[in-house]
Structure formats: structure tokens, C-alpha cells
Amino acid sequence: PAEKKVPGRVYATTVEELKPTDMIE
């Protein structure tokens, strides 16, 4: 799945769902 990098968080974006995770990079 594609990953959107946003401030403080990584959003894993799939065709099924938008899933916010607490992975800080």
C-alpha cells in the first residue's frame, strides 16, 4: 500500500480503507 507522510504520523492508504497509525518518523 502507498504511504502518505504527514507531520508526526504515517497514513497507510489502501483502496479498502484509510488507516492512521502512530508510527512517528
PDB file of N, CA and C in Angstrom:
ATOM      1  N   PRO A   1       0.820  -1.219   0.000  1.00  0.00           N
ATOM      2  CA  PRO A   1       0.000   0.000   0.000  1.00  0.00           C
ATOM      3  C   PRO A   1       0.852   1.266   0.000  1.00  0.00           C
ATOM      4  N   ALA A   2       0.303   2.307  -0.544  1.00  0.00           N
ATOM      5  CA  ALA A   2       1.021   3.580  -0.567  1.00  0.00           C
ATOM      6  C   ALA A   2       0.960   4.225   0.815  1.00  0.00           C
ATOM      7  N   GLU A   3       2.015   4.959   1.152  1.00  0.00           N
ATOM      8  CA  GLU A   3       2.029   5.618   2.449  1.00  0.00           C
ATOM      9  C   GLU A   3       2.128   7.119   2.292  1.00  0.00           C
ATOM     10  N   LYS A   4       1.255   7.843   2.988  1.00  0.00           N
ATOM     11  CA  LYS A   4       1.312   9.303   2.975  1.00  0.00           C
ATOM     12  C   LYS A   4       2.061   9.766   4.208  1.00  0.00           C
ATOM     13  N   LYS A   5       3.102  10.547   4.010  1.00  0.00           N
ATOM     14  CA  LYS A   5       3.843  11.051   5.159  1.00  0.00           C
ATOM     15  C   LYS A   5       3.265  12.399   5.585  1.00  0.00           C
ATOM     16  N   VAL A   6       2.744  12.448   6.772  1.00  0.00           N
ATOM     17  CA  VAL A   6       2.211  13.689   7.323  1.00  0.00           C
ATOM     18  C   VAL A   6       2.901  13.980   8.644  1.00  0.00           C
ATOM     19  N   PRO A   7       2.858  15.226   9.116  1.00  0.00           N
ATOM     20  CA  PRO A   7       3.566  15.608  10.342  1.00  0.00           C
ATOM     21  C   PRO A   7       3.270  14.691  11.528  1.00  0.00           C
ATOM     22  N   GLY A   8       4.282  13.963  11.988  1.00  0.00           N
ATOM     23  CA  GLY A   8       4.149  13.142  13.182  1.00  0.00           C
ATOM     24  C   GLY A   8       3.472  11.805  12.963  1.00  0.00           C
ATOM     25  N   ARG A   9       2.996  11.537  11.789  1.00  0.00           N
ATOM     26  CA  ARG A   9       2.237  10.306  11.560  1.00  0.00           C
ATOM     27  C   ARG A   9       2.389   9.751  10.154  1.00  0.00           C
ATOM     28  N   VAL A  10       2.166   8.467  10.026  1.00  0.00           N
ATOM     29  CA  VAL A  10       2.173   7.851   8.698  1.00  0.00           C
ATOM     30  C   VAL A  10       0.789   7.286   8.405  1.00  0.00           C
ATOM     31  N   TYR A  11       0.213   7.739   7.309  1.00  0.00           N
ATOM     32  CA  TYR A  11      -1.108   7.237   6.938  1.00  0.00           C
ATOM     33  C   TYR A  11      -0.963   6.201   5.835  1.00  0.00           C
ATOM     34  N   ALA A  12      -1.323   4.976   6.152  1.00  0.00           N
ATOM     35  CA  ALA A  12      -1.281   3.935   5.138  1.00  0.00           C
ATOM     36  C   ALA A  12      -2.581   3.987   4.350  1.00  0.00           C
ATOM     37  N   THR A  13      -2.475   4.272   3.069  1.00  0.00           N
ATOM     38  CA  THR A  13      -3.683   4.424   2.262  1.00  0.00           C
ATOM     39  C   THR A  13      -3.866   3.236   1.335  1.00  0.00           C
ATOM     40  N   THR A  14      -4.976   2.547   1.504  1.00  0.00           N
ATOM     41  CA  THR A  14      -5.301   1.423   0.624  1.00  0.00           C
ATOM     42  C   THR A  14      -6.633   1.699  -0.048  1.00  0.00           C
ATOM     43  N   VAL A  15      -6.992   0.901  -1.006  1.00  0.00           N
ATOM     44  CA  VAL A  15      -8.258   1.090  -1.703  1.00  0.00           C
ATOM     45  C   VAL A  15      -9.425   0.673  -0.812  1.00  0.00           C
ATOM     46  N   GLU A  16      -9.120  -0.040   0.260  1.00  0.00           N
ATOM     47  CA  GLU A  16     -10.172  -0.505   1.150  1.00  0.00           C
ATOM     48  C   GLU A  16     -10.421   0.473   2.287  1.00  0.00           C
ATOM     49  N   GLU A  17      -9.349   1.089   2.800  1.00  0.00           N
ATOM     50  CA  GLU A  17      -9.527   1.948   3.964  1.00  0.00           C
ATOM     51  C   GLU A  17      -8.395   2.948   4.117  1.00  0.00           C
ATOM     52  N   LEU A  18      -8.680   3.997   4.858  1.00  0.00           N
ATOM     53  CA  LEU A  18      -7.647   4.942   5.252  1.00  0.00           C
ATOM     54  C   LEU A  18      -7.334   4.660   6.713  1.00  0.00           C
ATOM     55  N   LYS A  19      -6.099   4.223   6.963  1.00  0.00           N
ATOM     56  CA  LYS A  19      -5.774   3.781   8.309  1.00  0.00           C
ATOM     57  C   LYS A  19      -4.641   4.609   8.922  1.00  0.00           C
ATOM     58  N   PRO A  20      -4.966   5.471   9.879  1.00  0.00           N
ATOM     59  CA  PRO A  20      -3.943   6.245  10.576  1.00  0.00           C
ATOM     60  C   PRO A  20      -3.157   5.364  11.553  1.00  0.00           C
ATOM     61  N   THR A  21      -1.854   5.515  11.568  1.00  0.00           N
ATOM     62  CA  THR A  21      -1.043   4.743  12.503  1.00  0.00           C
ATOM     63  C   THR A  21      -0.199   5.687  13.344  1.00  0.00           C
ATOM     64  N   ASP A  22       0.268   5.217  14.467  1.00  0.00           N
ATOM     65  CA  ASP A  22       1.066   6.055  15.354  1.00  0.00           C
ATOM     66  C   ASP A  22       2.557   5.894  15.106  1.00  0.00           C
ATOM     67  N   MET A  23       2.923   5.542  13.890  1.00  0.00           N
ATOM     68  CA  MET A  23       4.334   5.407  13.565  1.00  0.00           C
ATOM     69  C   MET A  23       4.923   6.780  13.289  1.00  0.00           C
ATOM     70  N   ILE A  24       5.724   7.275  14.226  1.00  0.00           N
ATOM     71  CA  ILE A  24       6.335   8.594  14.050  1.00  0.00           C
ATOM     72  C   ILE A  24       7.675   8.430  13.354  1.00  0.00           C
ATOM     73  N   GLU A  25       7.894   9.202  12.298  1.00  0.00           N
ATOM     74  CA  GLU A  25       9.176   9.134  11.601  1.00  0.00           C
ATOM     75  C   GLU A  25       9.874  10.474  11.664  1.00  0.00           C
TER      76      GLU A  25
END
